[in-house]
PDB file of N, CA and C in Angstrom:
ATOM      1  N   MET A   1      13.884  20.139 -21.596  1.00  0.00           N
ATOM      2  CA  MET A   1      13.524  20.948 -20.456  1.00  0.00           C
ATOM      3  C   MET A   1      12.318  20.330 -19.759  1.00  0.00           C
ATOM      4  N   GLN A   2      12.446  20.039 -18.490  1.00  0.00           N
ATOM      5  CA  GLN A   2      11.347  19.465 -17.717  1.00  0.00           C
ATOM      6  C   GLN A   2      10.670  20.555 -16.902  1.00  0.00           C
ATOM      7  N   VAL A   3       9.357  20.565 -16.954  1.00  0.00           N
ATOM      8  CA  VAL A   3       8.562  21.526 -16.197  1.00  0.00           C
ATOM      9  C   VAL A   3       7.483  20.745 -15.470  1.00  0.00           C
ATOM     10  N   HIS A   4       7.197  21.133 -14.225  1.00  0.00           N
ATOM     11  CA  HIS A   4       6.169  20.394 -13.498  1.00  0.00           C
ATOM     12  C   HIS A   4       5.169  21.333 -12.843  1.00  0.00           C
ATOM     13  N   ALA A   5       4.031  20.748 -12.478  1.00  0.00           N
ATOM     14  CA  ALA A   5       2.983  21.447 -11.738  1.00  0.00           C
ATOM     15  C   ALA A   5       2.484  20.499 -10.658  1.00  0.00           C
ATOM     16  N   ILE A   6       2.198  21.051  -9.487  1.00  0.00           N
ATOM     17  CA  ILE A   6       1.743  20.250  -8.355  1.00  0.00           C
ATOM     18  C   ILE A   6       0.442  20.844  -7.819  1.00  0.00           C
ATOM     19  N   MET A   7      -0.537  19.991  -7.607  1.00  0.00           N
ATOM     20  CA  MET A   7      -1.766  20.393  -6.930  1.00  0.00           C
ATOM     21  C   MET A   7      -1.812  19.629  -5.610  1.00  0.00           C
ATOM     22  N   LYS A   8      -1.882  20.346  -4.515  1.00  0.00           N
ATOM     23  CA  LYS A   8      -1.799  19.714  -3.200  1.00  0.00           C
ATOM     24  C   LYS A   8      -3.149  19.678  -2.495  1.00  0.00           C
ATOM     25  N   ASN A   9      -3.298  18.683  -1.636  1.00  0.00           N
ATOM     26  CA  ASN A   9      -4.466  18.511  -0.772  1.00  0.00           C
ATOM     27  C   ASN A   9      -5.778  18.497  -1.538  1.00  0.00           C
ATOM     28  N   VAL A  10      -5.827  17.676  -2.573  1.00  0.00           N
ATOM     29  CA  VAL A  10      -7.047  17.487  -3.353  1.00  0.00           C
ATOM     30  C   VAL A  10      -7.969  16.564  -2.563  1.00  0.00           C
ATOM     31  N   PRO A  11      -9.236  16.934  -2.354  1.00  0.00           N
ATOM     32  CA  PRO A  11     -10.116  16.117  -1.517  1.00  0.00           C
ATOM     33  C   PRO A  11     -10.642  14.872  -2.231  1.00  0.00           C
ATOM     34  N   MET A  12      -9.745  13.945  -2.514  1.00  0.00           N
ATOM     35  CA  MET A  12     -10.093  12.674  -3.147  1.00  0.00           C
ATOM     36  C   MET A  12      -8.979  11.681  -2.830  1.00  0.00           C
ATOM     37  N   SER A  13      -9.311  10.420  -2.747  1.00  0.00           N
ATOM     38  CA  SER A  13      -8.293   9.424  -2.416  1.00  0.00           C
ATOM     39  C   SER A  13      -7.314   9.258  -3.575  1.00  0.00           C
ATOM     40  N   ALA A  14      -6.092   8.941  -3.237  1.00  0.00           N
ATOM     41  CA  ALA A  14      -5.048   8.768  -4.250  1.00  0.00           C
ATOM     42  C   ALA A  14      -5.344   7.577  -5.147  1.00  0.00           C
ATOM     43  N   GLN A  15      -6.029   6.581  -4.619  1.00  0.00           N
ATOM     44  CA  GLN A  15      -6.359   5.394  -5.397  1.00  0.00           C
ATOM     45  C   GLN A  15      -7.275   5.750  -6.574  1.00  0.00           C
ATOM     46  N   LYS A  16      -8.270   6.594  -6.341  1.00  0.00           N
ATOM     47  CA  LYS A  16      -9.171   7.031  -7.409  1.00  0.00           C
ATOM     48  C   LYS A  16      -8.433   7.920  -8.408  1.00  0.00           C
ATOM     49  N   MET A  17      -7.514   8.731  -7.891  1.00  0.00           N
ATOM     50  CA  MET A  17      -6.785   9.661  -8.749  1.00  0.00           C
ATOM     51  C   MET A  17      -5.796   8.916  -9.651  1.00  0.00           C
ATOM     52  N   ARG A  18      -5.190   7.850  -9.152  1.00  0.00           N
ATOM     53  CA  ARG A  18      -4.194   7.102  -9.930  1.00  0.00           C
ATOM     54  C   ARG A  18      -4.777   6.498 -11.198  1.00  0.00           C
ATOM     55  N   GLU A  19      -6.072   6.161 -11.186  1.00  0.00           N
ATOM     56  CA  GLU A  19      -6.705   5.604 -12.383  1.00  0.00           C
ATOM     57  C   GLU A  19      -6.598   6.578 -13.560  1.00  0.00           C
ATOM     58  N   MET A  20      -6.793   7.876 -13.298  1.00  0.00           N
ATOM     59  CA  MET A  20      -6.718   8.875 -14.365  1.00  0.00           C
ATOM     60  C   MET A  20      -5.272   9.186 -14.724  1.00  0.00           C
ATOM     61  N   VAL A  21      -4.426   9.257 -13.722  1.00  0.00           N
ATOM     62  CA  VAL A  21      -3.035   9.649 -13.931  1.00  0.00           C
ATOM     63  C   VAL A  21      -2.297   8.620 -14.792  1.00  0.00           C
ATOM     64  N   ARG A  22      -2.604   7.347 -14.600  1.00  0.00           N
ATOM     65  CA  ARG A  22      -1.954   6.291 -15.374  1.00  0.00           C
ATOM     66  C   ARG A  22      -2.342   6.340 -16.845  1.00  0.00           C
ATOM     67  N   GLN A  23      -3.543   6.851 -17.147  1.00  0.00           N
ATOM     68  CA  GLN A  23      -4.001   6.890 -18.537  1.00  0.00           C
ATOM     69  C   GLN A  23      -3.239   7.905 -19.381  1.00  0.00           C
ATOM     70  N   ILE A  24      -2.732   8.975 -18.752  1.00  0.00           N
ATOM     71  CA  ILE A  24      -2.098  10.029 -19.551  1.00  0.00           C
ATOM     72  C   ILE A  24      -0.585   9.941 -19.559  1.00  0.00           C
ATOM     73  N   GLN A  25      -0.011   9.073 -18.743  1.00  0.00           N
ATOM     74  CA  GLN A  25       1.443   9.007 -18.641  1.00  0.00           C
ATOM     75  C   GLN A  25       2.060   8.553 -19.967  1.00  0.00           C
ATOM     76  N   GLY A  26       3.020   9.338 -20.470  1.00  0.00           N
ATOM     77  CA  GLY A  26       3.711   9.010 -21.705  1.00  0.00           C
ATOM     78  C   GLY A  26       3.071   9.569 -22.969  1.00  0.00           C
ATOM     79  N   LEU A  27       1.876  10.131 -22.861  1.00  0.00           N
ATOM     80  CA  LEU A  27       1.187  10.688 -24.031  1.00  0.00           C
ATOM     81  C   LEU A  27       1.707  12.091 -24.348  1.00  0.00           C
ATOM     82  N   PRO A  28       1.555  12.530 -25.601  1.00  0.00           N
ATOM     83  CA  PRO A  28       1.794  13.948 -25.893  1.00  0.00           C
ATOM     84  C   PRO A  28       0.806  14.804 -25.099  1.00  0.00           C
ATOM     85  N   ALA A  29       1.230  15.977 -24.698  1.00  0.00           N
ATOM     86  CA  ALA A  29       0.441  16.805 -23.777  1.00  0.00           C
ATOM     87  C   ALA A  29      -0.929  17.165 -24.342  1.00  0.00           C
ATOM     88  N   LEU A  30      -0.994  17.511 -25.615  1.00  0.00           N
ATOM     89  CA  LEU A  30      -2.276  17.896 -26.201  1.00  0.00           C
ATOM     90  C   LEU A  30      -3.222  16.704 -26.329  1.00  0.00           C
ATOM     91  N   GLN A  31      -2.668  15.536 -26.600  1.00  0.00           N
ATOM     92  CA  GLN A  31      -3.487  14.324 -26.662  1.00  0.00           C
ATOM     93  C   GLN A  31      -3.993  13.960 -25.266  1.00  0.00           C
ATOM     94  N   ALA A  32      -3.160  14.145 -24.255  1.00  0.00           N
ATOM     95  CA  ALA A  32      -3.570  13.873 -22.874  1.00  0.00           C
ATOM     96  C   ALA A  32      -4.704  14.805 -22.464  1.00  0.00           C
ATOM     97  N   GLN A  33      -4.652  16.064 -22.892  1.00  0.00           N
ATOM     98  CA  GLN A  33      -5.742  16.995 -22.615  1.00  0.00           C
ATOM     99  C   GLN A  33      -7.042  16.514 -23.251  1.00  0.00           C
ATOM    100  N   ALA A  34      -6.957  16.016 -24.474  1.00  0.00           N
ATOM    101  CA  ALA A  34      -8.148  15.530 -25.173  1.00  0.00           C
ATOM    102  C   ALA A  34      -8.737  14.307 -24.464  1.00  0.00           C
ATOM    103  N   VAL A  35      -7.872  13.423 -23.992  1.00  0.00           N
ATOM    104  CA  VAL A  35      -8.346  12.227 -23.275  1.00  0.00           C
ATOM    105  C   VAL A  35      -9.067  12.629 -21.996  1.00  0.00           C
ATOM    106  N   LEU A  36      -8.488  13.564 -21.248  1.00  0.00           N
ATOM    107  CA  LEU A  36      -9.092  13.978 -19.983  1.00  0.00           C
ATOM    108  C   LEU A  36     -10.396  14.741 -20.190  1.00  0.00           C
ATOM    109  N   LYS A  37     -10.526  15.430 -21.323  1.00  0.00           N
ATOM    110  CA  LYS A  37     -11.743  16.186 -21.596  1.00  0.00           C
ATOM    111  C   LYS A  37     -12.931  15.255 -21.837  1.00  0.00           C
ATOM    112  N   VAL A  38     -12.665  14.068 -22.388  1.00  0.00           N
ATOM    113  CA  VAL A  38     -13.732  13.124 -22.722  1.00  0.00           C
ATOM    114  C   VAL A  38     -14.249  12.380 -21.490  1.00  0.00           C
ATOM    115  N   VAL A  39     -13.365  12.111 -20.536  1.00  0.00           N
ATOM    116  CA  VAL A  39     -13.738  11.316 -19.363  1.00  0.00           C
ATOM    117  C   VAL A  39     -14.589  12.154 -18.414  1.00  0.00           C
ATOM    118  N   SER A  40     -15.701  11.592 -17.941  1.00  0.00           N
ATOM    119  CA  SER A  40     -16.611  12.339 -17.076  1.00  0.00           C
ATOM    120  C   SER A  40     -16.453  11.891 -15.622  1.00  0.00           C
ATOM    121  N   ARG A  41     -15.296  12.195 -15.049  1.00  0.00           N
ATOM    122  CA  ARG A  41     -15.047  11.902 -13.636  1.00  0.00           C
ATOM    123  C   ARG A  41     -14.449  13.130 -12.980  1.00  0.00           C
ATOM    124  N   LYS A  42     -14.674  13.271 -11.689  1.00  0.00           N
ATOM    125  CA  LYS A  42     -14.117  14.399 -10.948  1.00  0.00           C
ATOM    126  C   LYS A  42     -12.595  14.363 -11.002  1.00  0.00           C
ATOM    127  N   SER A  43     -12.023  13.173 -10.897  1.00  0.00           N
ATOM    128  CA  SER A  43     -10.565  13.051 -10.921  1.00  0.00           C
ATOM    129  C   SER A  43      -9.993  13.512 -12.258  1.00  0.00           C
ATOM    130  N   ALA A  44     -10.709  13.295 -13.351  1.00  0.00           N
ATOM    131  CA  ALA A  44     -10.241  13.734 -14.669  1.00  0.00           C
ATOM    132  C   ALA A  44     -10.197  15.252 -14.746  1.00  0.00           C
ATOM    133  N   ARG A  45     -11.189  15.926 -14.156  1.00  0.00           N
ATOM    134  CA  ARG A  45     -11.193  17.392 -14.154  1.00  0.00           C
ATOM    135  C   ARG A  45     -10.012  17.943 -13.371  1.00  0.00           C
ATOM    136  N   LEU A  46      -9.700  17.335 -12.231  1.00  0.00           N
ATOM    137  CA  LEU A  46      -8.602  17.818 -11.392  1.00  0.00           C
ATOM    138  C   LEU A  46      -7.242  17.556 -12.035  1.00  0.00           C
ATOM    139  N   VAL A  47      -7.092  16.399 -12.671  1.00  0.00           N
ATOM    140  CA  VAL A  47      -5.836  16.089 -13.368  1.00  0.00           C
ATOM    141  C   VAL A  47      -5.676  17.004 -14.573  1.00  0.00           C
ATOM    142  N   ALA A  48      -6.779  17.305 -15.275  1.00  0.00           N
ATOM    143  CA  ALA A  48      -6.722  18.204 -16.425  1.00  0.00           C
ATOM    144  C   ALA A  48      -6.298  19.604 -16.003  1.00  0.00           C
ATOM    145  N   LYS A  49      -6.776  20.041 -14.867  1.00  0.00           N
ATOM    146  CA  LYS A  49      -6.413  21.357 -14.344  1.00  0.00           C
ATOM    147  C   LYS A  49      -4.912  21.428 -14.046  1.00  0.00           C
ATOM    148  N   THR A  50      -4.387  20.364 -13.473  1.00  0.00           N
ATOM    149  CA  THR A  50      -2.955  20.312 -13.167  1.00  0.00           C
ATOM    150  C   THR A  50      -2.132  20.239 -14.448  1.00  0.00           C
ATOM    151  N   LEU A  51      -2.596  19.467 -15.428  1.00  0.00           N
ATOM    152  CA  LEU A  51      -1.898  19.366 -16.711  1.00  0.00           C
ATOM    153  C   LEU A  51      -1.885  20.712 -17.433  1.00  0.00           C
ATOM    154  N   ASP A  52      -3.009  21.426 -17.404  1.00  0.00           N
ATOM    155  CA  ASP A  52      -3.068  22.756 -18.011  1.00  0.00           C
ATOM    156  C   ASP A  52      -2.058  23.692 -17.356  1.00  0.00           C
ATOM    157  N   SER A  53      -1.921  23.587 -16.056  1.00  0.00           N
ATOM    158  CA  SER A  53      -0.960  24.418 -15.330  1.00  0.00           C
ATOM    159  C   SER A  53       0.474  24.095 -15.736  1.00  0.00           C
ATOM    160  N   ALA A  54       0.780  22.811 -15.894  1.00  0.00           N
ATOM    161  CA  ALA A  54       2.135  22.409 -16.300  1.00  0.00           C
ATOM    162  C   ALA A  54       2.448  22.911 -17.714  1.00  0.00           C
ATOM    163  N   ILE A  55       1.479  22.825 -18.612  1.00  0.00           N
ATOM    164  CA  ILE A  55       1.679  23.306 -19.981  1.00  0.00           C
ATOM    165  C   ILE A  55       1.871  24.826 -19.987  1.00  0.00           C
ATOM    166  N   ALA A  56       1.066  25.540 -19.197  1.00  0.00           N
ATOM    167  CA  ALA A  56       1.197  26.991 -19.113  1.00  0.00           C
ATOM    168  C   ALA A  56       2.544  27.389 -18.516  1.00  0.00           C
ATOM    169  N   ASN A  57       3.029  26.635 -17.531  1.00  0.00           N
ATOM    170  CA  ASN A  57       4.354  26.904 -16.956  1.00  0.00           C
ATOM    171  C   ASN A  57       5.435  26.764 -18.019  1.00  0.00           C
ATOM    172  N   ALA A  58       5.326  25.735 -18.843  1.00  0.00           N
ATOM    173  CA  ALA A  58       6.326  25.516 -19.889  1.00  0.00           C
ATOM    174  C   ALA A  58       6.285  26.628 -20.938  1.00  0.00           C
ATOM    175  N   GLU A  59       5.070  27.057 -21.292  1.00  0.00           N
ATOM    176  CA  GLU A  59       4.925  28.106 -22.300  1.00  0.00           C
ATOM    177  C   GLU A  59       5.453  29.449 -21.793  1.00  0.00           C
ATOM    178  N   ASN A  60       5.016  29.854 -20.615  1.00  0.00           N
ATOM    179  CA  ASN A  60       5.321  31.194 -20.122  1.00  0.00           C
ATOM    180  C   ASN A  60       6.728  31.332 -19.550  1.00  0.00           C
ATOM    181  N   ASN A  61       7.189  30.313 -18.825  1.00  0.00           N
ATOM    182  CA  ASN A  61       8.489  30.431 -18.159  1.00  0.00           C
ATOM    183  C   ASN A  61       9.654  30.032 -19.046  1.00  0.00           C
ATOM    184  N   ASN A  62       9.452  29.049 -19.933  1.00  0.00           N
ATOM    185  CA  ASN A  62      10.568  28.511 -20.721  1.00  0.00           C
ATOM    186  C   ASN A  62      10.397  28.678 -22.227  1.00  0.00           C
ATOM    187  N   LYS A  63       9.314  29.316 -22.657  1.00  0.00           N
ATOM    188  CA  LYS A  63       9.070  29.573 -24.083  1.00  0.00           C
ATOM    189  C   LYS A  63       9.098  28.302 -24.919  1.00  0.00           C
ATOM    190  N   VAL A  64       8.398  27.271 -24.449  1.00  0.00           N
ATOM    191  CA  VAL A  64       8.323  25.984 -25.146  1.00  0.00           C
ATOM    192  C   VAL A  64       6.949  25.871 -25.799  1.00  0.00           C
ATOM    193  N   LYS A  65       6.905  25.371 -27.029  1.00  0.00           N
ATOM    194  CA  LYS A  65       5.638  25.177 -27.733  1.00  0.00           C
ATOM    195  C   LYS A  65       4.887  23.988 -27.134  1.00  0.00           C
ATOM    196  N   PRO A  66       3.585  24.102 -26.914  1.00  0.00           N
ATOM    197  CA  PRO A  66       2.834  22.981 -26.327  1.00  0.00           C
ATOM    198  C   PRO A  66       2.766  21.753 -27.232  1.00  0.00           C
ATOM    199  N   GLU A  67       2.957  21.928 -28.553  1.00  0.00           N
ATOM    200  CA  GLU A  67       2.905  20.788 -29.477  1.00  0.00           C
ATOM    201  C   GLU A  67       4.085  19.845 -29.260  1.00  0.00           C
ATOM    202  N   THR A  68       5.187  20.340 -28.703  1.00  0.00           N
ATOM    203  CA  THR A  68       6.381  19.507 -28.524  1.00  0.00           C
ATOM    204  C   THR A  68       6.417  18.813 -27.171  1.00  0.00           C
ATOM    205  N   LEU A  69       5.468  19.113 -26.289  1.00  0.00           N
ATOM    206  CA  LEU A  69       5.511  18.587 -24.922  1.00  0.00           C
ATOM    207  C   LEU A  69       4.921  17.183 -24.825  1.00  0.00           C
ATOM    208  N   ARG A  70       5.511  16.371 -23.942  1.00  0.00           N
ATOM    209  CA  ARG A  70       5.012  15.040 -23.592  1.00  0.00           C
ATOM    210  C   ARG A  70       4.856  14.963 -22.084  1.00  0.00           C
ATOM    211  N   VAL A  71       3.898  14.169 -21.626  1.00  0.00           N
ATOM    212  CA  VAL A  71       3.739  13.934 -20.193  1.00  0.00           C
ATOM    213  C   VAL A  71       4.786  12.896 -19.795  1.00  0.00           C
ATOM    214  N   LYS A  72       5.845  13.353 -19.160  1.00  0.00           N
ATOM    215  CA  LYS A  72       6.926  12.444 -18.786  1.00  0.00           C
ATOM    216  C   LYS A  72       6.575  11.663 -17.533  1.00  0.00           C
ATOM    217  N   GLU A  73       5.991  12.350 -16.550  1.00  0.00           N
ATOM    218  CA  GLU A  73       5.672  11.696 -15.287  1.00  0.00           C
ATOM    219  C   GLU A  73       4.367  12.266 -14.759  1.00  0.00           C
ATOM    220  N   ALA A  74       3.507  11.404 -14.271  1.00  0.00           N
ATOM    221  CA  ALA A  74       2.256  11.828 -13.646  1.00  0.00           C
ATOM    222  C   ALA A  74       2.047  10.942 -12.424  1.00  0.00           C
ATOM    223  N   VAL A  75       2.012  11.565 -11.250  1.00  0.00           N
ATOM    224  CA  VAL A  75       1.980  10.818  -9.999  1.00  0.00           C
ATOM    225  C   VAL A  75       0.871  11.358  -9.105  1.00  0.00           C
ATOM    226  N   ALA A  76       0.168  10.472  -8.428  1.00  0.00           N
ATOM    227  CA  ALA A  76      -0.797  10.847  -7.400  1.00  0.00           C
ATOM    228  C   ALA A  76      -0.383  10.166  -6.106  1.00  0.00           C
ATOM    229  N   GLY A  77      -0.017  10.950  -5.116  1.00  0.00           N
ATOM    230  CA  GLY A  77       0.426  10.404  -3.838  1.00  0.00           C
ATOM    231  C   GLY A  77      -0.509  10.813  -2.720  1.00  0.00           C
ATOM    232  N   THR A  78      -0.436  10.099  -1.619  1.00  0.00           N
ATOM    233  CA  THR A  78      -1.322  10.393  -0.497  1.00  0.00           C
ATOM    234  C   THR A  78      -0.875  11.644   0.244  1.00  0.00           C
ATOM    235  N   ALA A  79      -1.841  12.343   0.808  1.00  0.00           N
ATOM    236  CA  ALA A  79      -1.588  13.517   1.631  1.00  0.00           C
ATOM    237  C   ALA A  79      -2.147  13.230   3.022  1.00  0.00           C
ATOM    238  N   THR A  80      -2.126  14.217   3.870  1.00  0.00           N
ATOM    239  CA  THR A  80      -2.640  14.053   5.228  1.00  0.00           C
ATOM    240  C   THR A  80      -4.151  13.835   5.195  1.00  0.00           C
ATOM    241  N   SER A  81      -4.618  12.811   5.903  1.00  0.00           N
ATOM    242  CA  SER A  81      -6.048  12.506   5.939  1.00  0.00           C
ATOM    243  C   SER A  81      -6.707  13.245   7.103  1.00  0.00           C
ATOM    244  N   LEU A  82      -7.961  13.649   6.891  1.00  0.00           N
ATOM    245  CA  LEU A  82      -8.739  14.247   7.971  1.00  0.00           C
ATOM    246  C   LEU A  82      -9.448  13.129   8.717  1.00  0.00           C
ATOM    247  N   LYS A  83      -9.345  13.151  10.026  1.00  0.00           N
ATOM    248  CA  LYS A  83      -9.972  12.112  10.831  1.00  0.00           C
ATOM    249  C   LYS A  83     -11.173  12.693  11.561  1.00  0.00           C
ATOM    250  N   ARG A  84     -12.332  12.114  11.306  1.00  0.00           N
ATOM    251  CA  ARG A  84     -13.576  12.538  11.931  1.00  0.00           C
ATOM    252  C   ARG A  84     -14.224  11.321  12.581  1.00  0.00           C
ATOM    253  N   PHE A  85     -15.247  11.564  13.403  1.00  0.00           N
ATOM    254  CA  PHE A  85     -15.928  10.464  14.078  1.00  0.00           C
ATOM    255  C   PHE A  85     -17.433  10.625  13.940  1.00  0.00           C
ATOM    256  N   THR A  86     -18.114   9.479  13.861  1.00  0.00           N
ATOM    257  CA  THR A  86     -19.565   9.460  13.779  1.00  0.00           C
ATOM    258  C   THR A  86     -20.111   8.625  14.935  1.00  0.00           C
ATOM    259  N   PRO A  87     -21.258   9.005  15.487  1.00  0.00           N
ATOM    260  CA  PRO A  87     -21.807   8.245  16.612  1.00  0.00           C
ATOM    261  C   PRO A  87     -22.255   6.842  16.190  1.00  0.00           C
ATOM    262  N   LYS A  88     -22.007   5.900  17.073  1.00  0.00           N
ATOM    263  CA  LYS A  88     -22.409   4.506  16.851  1.00  0.00           C
ATOM    264  C   LYS A  88     -23.271   4.044  18.033  1.00  0.00           C
ATOM    265  N   ALA A  89     -23.600   2.776  18.038  1.00  0.00           N
ATOM    266  CA  ALA A  89     -24.469   2.220  19.067  1.00  0.00           C
ATOM    267  C   ALA A  89     -23.799   2.234  20.443  1.00  0.00           C
ATOM    268  N   ARG A  90     -24.609   2.358  21.482  1.00  0.00           N
ATOM    269  CA  ARG A  90     -24.177   2.308  22.882  1.00  0.00           C
ATOM    270  C   ARG A  90     -23.164   3.396  23.236  1.00  0.00           C
ATOM    271  N   GLY A  91     -23.289   4.542  22.606  1.00  0.00           N
ATOM    272  CA  GLY A  91     -22.441   5.668  22.967  1.00  0.00           C
ATOM    273  C   GLY A  91     -21.015   5.617  22.453  1.00  0.00           C
ATOM    274  N   SER A  92     -20.722   4.677  21.578  1.00  0.00           N
ATOM    275  CA  SER A  92     -19.352   4.609  21.052  1.00  0.00           C
ATOM    276  C   SER A  92     -19.249   5.466  19.781  1.00  0.00           C
ATOM    277  N   ALA A  93     -18.046   5.559  19.238  1.00  0.00           N
ATOM    278  CA  ALA A  93     -17.821   6.373  18.049  1.00  0.00           C
ATOM    279  C   ALA A  93     -17.105   5.543  16.987  1.00  0.00           C
ATOM    280  N   GLY A  94     -17.453   5.785  15.741  1.00  0.00           N
ATOM    281  CA  GLY A  94     -16.800   5.095  14.634  1.00  0.00           C
ATOM    282  C   GLY A  94     -16.007   6.094  13.807  1.00  0.00           C
ATOM    283  N   PRO A  95     -14.821   5.698  13.335  1.00  0.00           N
ATOM    284  CA  PRO A  95     -13.973   6.646  12.595  1.00  0.00           C
ATOM    285  C   PRO A  95     -14.451   6.877  11.158  1.00  0.00           C
ATOM    286  N   ILE A  96     -14.249   8.099  10.685  1.00  0.00           N
ATOM    287  CA  ILE A  96     -14.424   8.458   9.278  1.00  0.00           C
ATOM    288  C   ILE A  96     -13.098   9.056   8.844  1.00  0.00           C
ATOM    289  N   ILE A  97     -12.498   8.499   7.789  1.00  0.00           N
ATOM    290  CA  ILE A  97     -11.219   9.012   7.300  1.00  0.00           C
ATOM    291  C   ILE A  97     -11.472   9.673   5.954  1.00  0.00           C
ATOM    292  N   LYS A  98     -11.277  10.981   5.902  1.00  0.00           N
ATOM    293  CA  LYS A  98     -11.459  11.733   4.656  1.00  0.00           C
ATOM    294  C   LYS A  98     -10.090  11.873   4.008  1.00  0.00           C
ATOM    295  N   ARG A  99      -9.873  11.098   2.967  1.00  0.00           N
ATOM    296  CA  ARG A  99      -8.548  11.029   2.349  1.00  0.00           C
ATOM    297  C   ARG A  99      -8.312  12.181   1.387  1.00  0.00           C
ATOM    298  N   ARG A 100      -7.046  12.555   1.265  1.00  0.00           N
ATOM    299  CA  ARG A 100      -6.615  13.624   0.368  1.00  0.00           C
ATOM    300  C   ARG A 100      -5.396  13.153  -0.399  1.00  0.00           C
ATOM    301  N   CYS A 101      -5.072  13.844  -1.486  1.00  0.00           N
ATOM    302  CA  CYS A 101      -3.916  13.442  -2.271  1.00  0.00           C
ATOM    303  C   CYS A 101      -3.231  14.651  -2.900  1.00  0.00           C
ATOM    304  N   HIS A 102      -2.008  14.428  -3.370  1.00  0.00           N
ATOM    305  CA  HIS A 102      -1.248  15.410  -4.121  1.00  0.00           C
ATOM    306  C   HIS A 102      -1.107  14.890  -5.549  1.00  0.00           C
ATOM    307  N   ILE A 103      -1.214  15.780  -6.536  1.00  0.00           N
ATOM    308  CA  ILE A 103      -1.016  15.405  -7.944  1.00  0.00           C
ATOM    309  C   ILE A 103       0.216  16.139  -8.448  1.00  0.00           C
ATOM    310  N   LYS A 104       1.158  15.395  -9.059  1.00  0.00           N
ATOM    311  CA  LYS A 104       2.328  16.019  -9.648  1.00  0.00           C
ATOM    312  C   LYS A 104       2.442  15.551 -11.093  1.00  0.00           C
ATOM    313  N   ILE A 105       2.500  16.512 -12.015  1.00  0.00           N
ATOM    314  CA  ILE A 105       2.626  16.205 -13.429  1.00  0.00           C
ATOM    315  C   ILE A 105       3.870  16.900 -13.969  1.00  0.00           C
ATOM    316  N   THR A 106       4.742  16.117 -14.620  1.00  0.00           N
ATOM    317  CA  THR A 106       5.957  16.642 -15.233  1.00  0.00           C
ATOM    318  C   THR A 106       5.838  16.507 -16.739  1.00  0.00           C
ATOM    319  N   VAL A 107       6.018  17.622 -17.450  1.00  0.00           N
ATOM    320  CA  VAL A 107       6.038  17.594 -18.912  1.00  0.00           C
ATOM    321  C   VAL A 107       7.430  17.919 -19.404  1.00  0.00           C
ATOM    322  N   SER A 108       7.785  17.336 -20.538  1.00  0.00           N
ATOM    323  CA  SER A 108       9.127  17.511 -21.065  1.00  0.00           C
ATOM    324  C   SER A 108       9.059  17.655 -22.588  1.00  0.00           C
ATOM    325  N   ASP A 109       9.994  18.406 -23.154  1.00  0.00           N
ATOM    326  CA  ASP A 109      10.030  18.548 -24.617  1.00  0.00           C
ATOM    327  C   ASP A 109      11.078  17.658 -25.242  1.00  0.00           C
ATOM    328  N   GLU A 110      11.616  16.723 -24.503  1.00  0.00           N
ATOM    329  CA  GLU A 110      12.656  15.817 -25.012  1.00  0.00           C
ATOM    330  C   GLU A 110      12.038  14.576 -25.613  1.00  0.00           C
TER     331      GLU A 110
END
């Protein structure tokens, strides 16, 4: 049984998020939680929150034990970026791109 959780429009670039997501892919769910708890990065906290949600979905909706779950797929993709501008020399403007991402984690008991 595959269960997933998605966190959308996270205010962080997908490139930074992928570093954490790649570390937990293929691990047992409880071990992945332990790995994310040790890492002191904002991206680790957000991925851990999404992983907790996926585990809770599996427990409550499908009556699956968390000890049997594995992280089958963990993906961080780009979302819509916010475009802002900052003043530059001679009255011109320079772009600021505030990147966002989506996190999708799929856990499976197979």
